[in-house]
Amino acid sequence: MTAAPRSRKHNEGVALFFVLMAIAVLATVTSAFTAGVHRHLKMQNLRENEAIAKYLAETGLDIAAAKLSEGYPDYRGETNTPLGSGQFSIEITATNEGTAIVRSTGVYLSDTHSIARVTLDAVLRRDGTRWISTDRHYASGRRGFIQHE
């Protein structure tokens, strides 16, 4: 009669072991899934921040084209012009009768530091009375994102 209680205790220990193993496996899978979701959300947030910085850089390019179209031939750009939650800087490095080389940098900011930075190099060409952009080249300061248009 002493054999039955030992067997029952031995079986209860095995069942507890399998339950603990199942909990450990579930915890590992849940942890891996959570880490993957966190990584994905962080990358998505970075893409959104870079998109905002890109729009800021494009705004700077549009302002440079507008200034040149309005008859400001000596306009050479501006630095750290605030716009929304960011800023842009424009630098016109060379102009001649019908061409201007422009570098516009958009920076998306948090309260204390830049989150994303995109630089846009473009050539502006005179088309009648207005200036239009051609030969665009984007470069990001964070992930090496480069796009040609």
C-alpha atoms as a PDB file:
ATOM      1  CA  MET A   1       0.000   0.000   0.000  1.00  0.00           C
ATOM      2  CA  THR A   2       2.912   2.332   0.309  1.00  0.00           C
ATOM      3  CA  ALA A   3       3.659   2.126  -3.446  1.00  0.00           C
ATOM      4  CA  ALA A   4       0.481   3.961  -4.513  1.00  0.00           C
ATOM      5  CA  PRO A   5       1.145   7.211  -2.609  1.00  0.00           C
ATOM      6  CA  ARG A   6       4.728   7.413  -3.979  1.00  0.00           C
ATOM      7  CA  SER A   7       3.472   7.011  -7.520  1.00  0.00           C
ATOM      8  CA  ARG A   8       0.826   9.692  -7.041  1.00  0.00           C
ATOM      9  CA  LYS A   9       3.382  12.164  -5.612  1.00  0.00           C
ATOM     10  CA  HIS A  10       5.770  11.390  -8.448  1.00  0.00           C
ATOM     11  CA  ASN A  11       3.023  12.051 -11.020  1.00  0.00           C
ATOM     12  CA  GLU A  12       2.059  15.307  -9.335  1.00  0.00           C
ATOM     13  CA  GLY A  13       5.668  16.497  -9.578  1.00  0.00           C
ATOM     14  CA  VAL A  14       5.804  15.678 -13.294  1.00  0.00           C
ATOM     15  CA  ALA A  15       2.563  17.546 -13.928  1.00  0.00           C
ATOM     16  CA  LEU A  16       3.891  20.589 -12.047  1.00  0.00           C
ATOM     17  CA  PHE A  17       7.101  20.443 -14.083  1.00  0.00           C
ATOM     18  CA  PHE A  18       5.150  20.440 -17.387  1.00  0.00           C
ATOM     19  CA  VAL A  19       2.945  23.315 -16.235  1.00  0.00           C
ATOM     20  CA  LEU A  20       6.007  25.364 -15.294  1.00  0.00           C
ATOM     21  CA  MET A  21       7.651  24.544 -18.643  1.00  0.00           C
ATOM     22  CA  ALA A  22       4.505  25.604 -20.506  1.00  0.00           C
ATOM     23  CA  ILE A  23       4.443  28.903 -18.598  1.00  0.00           C
ATOM     24  CA  ALA A  24       8.137  29.470 -19.397  1.00  0.00           C
ATOM     25  CA  VAL A  25       7.560  28.827 -23.118  1.00  0.00           C
ATOM     26  CA  LEU A  26       4.539  31.153 -23.174  1.00  0.00           C
ATOM     27  CA  ALA A  27       6.487  33.855 -21.368  1.00  0.00           C
ATOM     28  CA  THR A  28       9.359  33.562 -23.880  1.00  0.00           C
ATOM     29  CA  VAL A  29       7.013  33.728 -26.886  1.00  0.00           C
ATOM     30  CA  THR A  30       5.145  36.694 -25.389  1.00  0.00           C
ATOM     31  CA  SER A  31       8.407  38.497 -24.655  1.00  0.00           C
ATOM     32  CA  ALA A  32       9.692  37.948 -28.215  1.00  0.00           C
ATOM     33  CA  PHE A  33       6.378  39.135 -29.697  1.00  0.00           C
ATOM     34  CA  THR A  34       6.365  42.253 -27.509  1.00  0.00           C
ATOM     35  CA  ALA A  35       9.963  43.083 -28.465  1.00  0.00           C
ATOM     36  CA  GLY A  36       9.090  42.704 -32.160  1.00  0.00           C
ATOM     37  CA  VAL A  37       6.067  44.981 -31.855  1.00  0.00           C
ATOM     38  CA  HIS A  38       8.149  47.568 -29.978  1.00  0.00           C
ATOM     39  CA  ARG A  39      10.844  47.494 -32.692  1.00  0.00           C
ATOM     40  CA  HIS A  40       8.216  47.874 -35.423  1.00  0.00           C
ATOM     41  CA  LEU A  41       6.564  50.844 -33.683  1.00  0.00           C
ATOM     42  CA  LYS A  42       9.929  52.531 -33.163  1.00  0.00           C
ATOM     43  CA  MET A  43      10.818  52.151 -36.858  1.00  0.00           C
ATOM     44  CA  GLN A  44       7.396  53.458 -37.895  1.00  0.00           C
ATOM     45  CA  ASN A  45       7.828  56.483 -35.621  1.00  0.00           C
ATOM     46  CA  LEU A  46      11.262  57.149 -37.142  1.00  0.00           C
ATOM     47  CA  ARG A  47       9.793  56.992 -40.677  1.00  0.00           C
ATOM     48  CA  GLU A  48       7.067  59.463 -39.702  1.00  0.00           C
ATOM     49  CA  ASN A  49       9.632  61.837 -38.166  1.00  0.00           C
ATOM     50  CA  GLU A  50      11.783  61.664 -41.305  1.00  0.00           C
ATOM     51  CA  ALA A  51       8.719  62.366 -43.458  1.00  0.00           C
ATOM     52  CA  ILE A  52       8.047  65.527 -41.430  1.00  0.00           C
ATOM     53  CA  ALA A  53      11.706  66.589 -41.790  1.00  0.00           C
ATOM     54  CA  LYS A  54      11.469  65.921 -45.548  1.00  0.00           C
ATOM     55  CA  TYR A  55       8.388  68.156 -45.822  1.00  0.00           C
ATOM     56  CA  LEU A  56      10.243  70.887 -43.915  1.00  0.00           C
ATOM     57  CA  ALA A  57      13.172  70.635 -46.357  1.00  0.00           C
ATOM     58  CA  GLU A  58      10.769  70.795 -49.319  1.00  0.00           C
ATOM     59  CA  THR A  59       9.157  73.889 -47.772  1.00  0.00           C
ATOM     60  CA  GLY A  60      12.575  75.539 -47.634  1.00  0.00           C
ATOM     61  CA  LEU A  61      13.120  74.728 -51.309  1.00  0.00           C
ATOM     62  CA  ASP A  62       9.700  76.179 -52.191  1.00  0.00           C
ATOM     63  CA  ILE A  63      10.511  79.362 -50.259  1.00  0.00           C
ATOM     64  CA  ALA A  64      13.837  79.716 -52.084  1.00  0.00           C
ATOM     65  CA  ALA A  65      12.063  79.321 -55.435  1.00  0.00           C
ATOM     66  CA  ALA A  66       9.410  81.864 -54.393  1.00  0.00           C
ATOM     67  CA  LYS A  67      12.002  84.426 -53.229  1.00  0.00           C
ATOM     68  CA  LEU A  68      13.936  84.128 -56.480  1.00  0.00           C
ATOM     69  CA  SER A  69      10.699  84.314 -58.506  1.00  0.00           C
ATOM     70  CA  GLU A  70       9.631  87.457 -56.619  1.00  0.00           C
ATOM     71  CA  GLY A  71      12.757  89.243 -57.759  1.00  0.00           C
ATOM     72  CA  TYR A  72      15.221  88.850 -54.880  1.00  0.00           C
ATOM     73  CA  PRO A  73      18.374  88.034 -56.881  1.00  0.00           C
ATOM     74  CA  ASP A  74      20.624  88.557 -53.829  1.00  0.00           C
ATOM     75  CA  TYR A  75      18.670  86.077 -51.674  1.00  0.00           C
ATOM     76  CA  ARG A  76      21.149  83.510 -50.323  1.00  0.00           C
ATOM     77  CA  GLY A  77      18.945  81.685 -47.850  1.00  0.00           C
ATOM     78  CA  GLU A  78      18.051  81.692 -44.175  1.00  0.00           C
ATOM     79  CA  THR A  79      18.971  79.712 -41.086  1.00  0.00           C
ATOM     80  CA  ASN A  80      16.840  77.817 -38.550  1.00  0.00           C
ATOM     81  CA  THR A  81      13.512  79.291 -39.603  1.00  0.00           C
ATOM     82  CA  PRO A  82      10.863  77.812 -37.262  1.00  0.00           C
ATOM     83  CA  LEU A  83       7.823  76.138 -38.779  1.00  0.00           C
ATOM     84  CA  GLY A  84       5.394  74.032 -36.758  1.00  0.00           C
ATOM     85  CA  SER A  85       7.313  71.545 -34.661  1.00  0.00           C
ATOM     86  CA  GLY A  86      10.492  71.910 -36.674  1.00  0.00           C
ATOM     87  CA  GLN A  87      12.697  74.258 -38.599  1.00  0.00           C
ATOM     88  CA  PHE A  88      14.366  74.587 -41.962  1.00  0.00           C
ATOM     89  CA  SER A  89      17.505  76.226 -43.297  1.00  0.00           C
ATOM     90  CA  ILE A  90      18.174  77.292 -46.875  1.00  0.00           C
ATOM     91  CA  GLU A  91      21.543  77.854 -48.503  1.00  0.00           C
ATOM     92  CA  ILE A  92      21.880  79.005 -52.098  1.00  0.00           C
ATOM     93  CA  THR A  93      25.439  78.261 -53.104  1.00  0.00           C
ATOM     94  CA  ALA A  94      25.527  79.362 -56.737  1.00  0.00           C
ATOM     95  CA  THR A  95      23.321  81.282 -59.126  1.00  0.00           C
ATOM     96  CA  ASN A  96      23.645  82.418 -62.681  1.00  0.00           C
ATOM     97  CA  GLU A  97      21.135  83.720 -65.215  1.00  0.00           C
ATOM     98  CA  GLY A  98      18.862  80.691 -65.183  1.00  0.00           C
ATOM     99  CA  THR A  99      20.112  78.262 -62.539  1.00  0.00           C
ATOM    100  CA  ALA A 100      20.472  78.213 -58.752  1.00  0.00           C
ATOM    101  CA  ILE A 101      21.900  75.421 -56.597  1.00  0.00           C
ATOM    102  CA  VAL A 102      19.990  75.102 -53.327  1.00  0.00           C
ATOM    103  CA  ARG A 103      20.525  73.070 -50.169  1.00  0.00           C
ATOM    104  CA  SER A 104      17.530  72.973 -47.837  1.00  0.00           C
ATOM    105  CA  THR A 105      17.652  71.154 -44.520  1.00  0.00           C
ATOM    106  CA  GLY A 106      14.522  70.251 -42.571  1.00  0.00           C
ATOM    107  CA  VAL A 107      14.816  69.340 -38.900  1.00  0.00           C
ATOM    108  CA  TYR A 108      11.973  67.843 -36.876  1.00  0.00           C
ATOM    109  CA  LEU A 109      12.474  68.801 -33.228  1.00  0.00           C
ATOM    110  CA  SER A 110      11.430  67.607 -29.815  1.00  0.00           C
ATOM    111  CA  ASP A 111      11.588  69.990 -26.868  1.00  0.00           C
ATOM    112  CA  THR A 112      15.327  69.581 -26.428  1.00  0.00           C
ATOM    113  CA  HIS A 113      16.918  68.006 -29.517  1.00  0.00           C
ATOM    114  CA  SER A 114      16.470  67.103 -33.171  1.00  0.00           C
ATOM    115  CA  ILE A 115      14.616  63.885 -33.859  1.00  0.00           C
ATOM    116  CA  ALA A 116      15.085  63.695 -37.622  1.00  0.00           C
ATOM    117  CA  ARG A 117      17.046  65.670 -40.200  1.00  0.00           C
ATOM    118  CA  VAL A 118      16.681  65.544 -43.978  1.00  0.00           C
ATOM    119  CA  THR A 119      18.830  67.513 -46.416  1.00  0.00           C
ATOM    120  CA  LEU A 120      17.544  68.285 -49.896  1.00  0.00           C
ATOM    121  CA  ASP A 121      19.966  69.353 -52.613  1.00  0.00           C
ATOM    122  CA  ALA A 122      18.281  70.652 -55.748  1.00  0.00           C
ATOM    123  CA  VAL A 123      18.811  72.708 -58.839  1.00  0.00           C
ATOM    124  CA  LEU A 124      16.341  75.523 -59.458  1.00  0.00           C
ATOM    125  CA  ARG A 125      15.889  76.572 -63.076  1.00  0.00           C
ATOM    126  CA  ARG A 126      14.219  79.706 -64.347  1.00  0.00           C
ATOM    127  CA  ASP A 127      11.067  78.950 -66.324  1.00  0.00           C
ATOM    128  CA  GLY A 128       9.887  82.322 -67.567  1.00  0.00           C
ATOM    129  CA  THR A 129       9.211  84.429 -64.475  1.00  0.00           C
ATOM    130  CA  ARG A 130       9.275  81.588 -61.945  1.00  0.00           C
ATOM    131  CA  TRP A 131      11.873  79.152 -60.690  1.00  0.00           C
ATOM    132  CA  ILE A 132      11.177  75.402 -60.647  1.00  0.00           C
ATOM    133  CA  SER A 133      13.136  72.640 -58.954  1.00  0.00           C
ATOM    134  CA  THR A 134      14.842  69.810 -60.793  1.00  0.00           C
ATOM    135  CA  ASP A 135      17.446  67.204 -59.927  1.00  0.00           C
ATOM    136  CA  ARG A 136      16.424  66.622 -56.291  1.00  0.00           C
ATOM    137  CA  HIS A 137      18.590  64.563 -53.954  1.00  0.00           C
ATOM    138  CA  TYR A 138      17.503  63.734 -50.376  1.00  0.00           C
ATOM    139  CA  ALA A 139      19.744  62.506 -47.574  1.00  0.00           C
ATOM    140  CA  SER A 140      18.736  61.678 -44.013  1.00  0.00           C
ATOM    141  CA  GLY A 141      20.944  62.342 -41.022  1.00  0.00           C
ATOM    142  CA  ARG A 142      19.824  59.209 -39.171  1.00  0.00           C
ATOM    143  CA  ARG A 143      19.604  56.085 -41.318  1.00  0.00           C
ATOM    144  CA  GLY A 144      21.355  57.048 -44.548  1.00  0.00           C
ATOM    145  CA  PHE A 145      18.060  57.329 -46.397  1.00  0.00           C
ATOM    146  CA  ILE A 146      18.757  58.650 -49.903  1.00  0.00           C
ATOM    147  CA  GLN A 147      16.226  59.335 -52.613  1.00  0.00           C
ATOM    148  CA  HIS A 148      16.715  60.843 -56.059  1.00  0.00           C
ATOM    149  CA  GLU A 149      13.957  62.530 -58.022  1.00  0.00           C
END
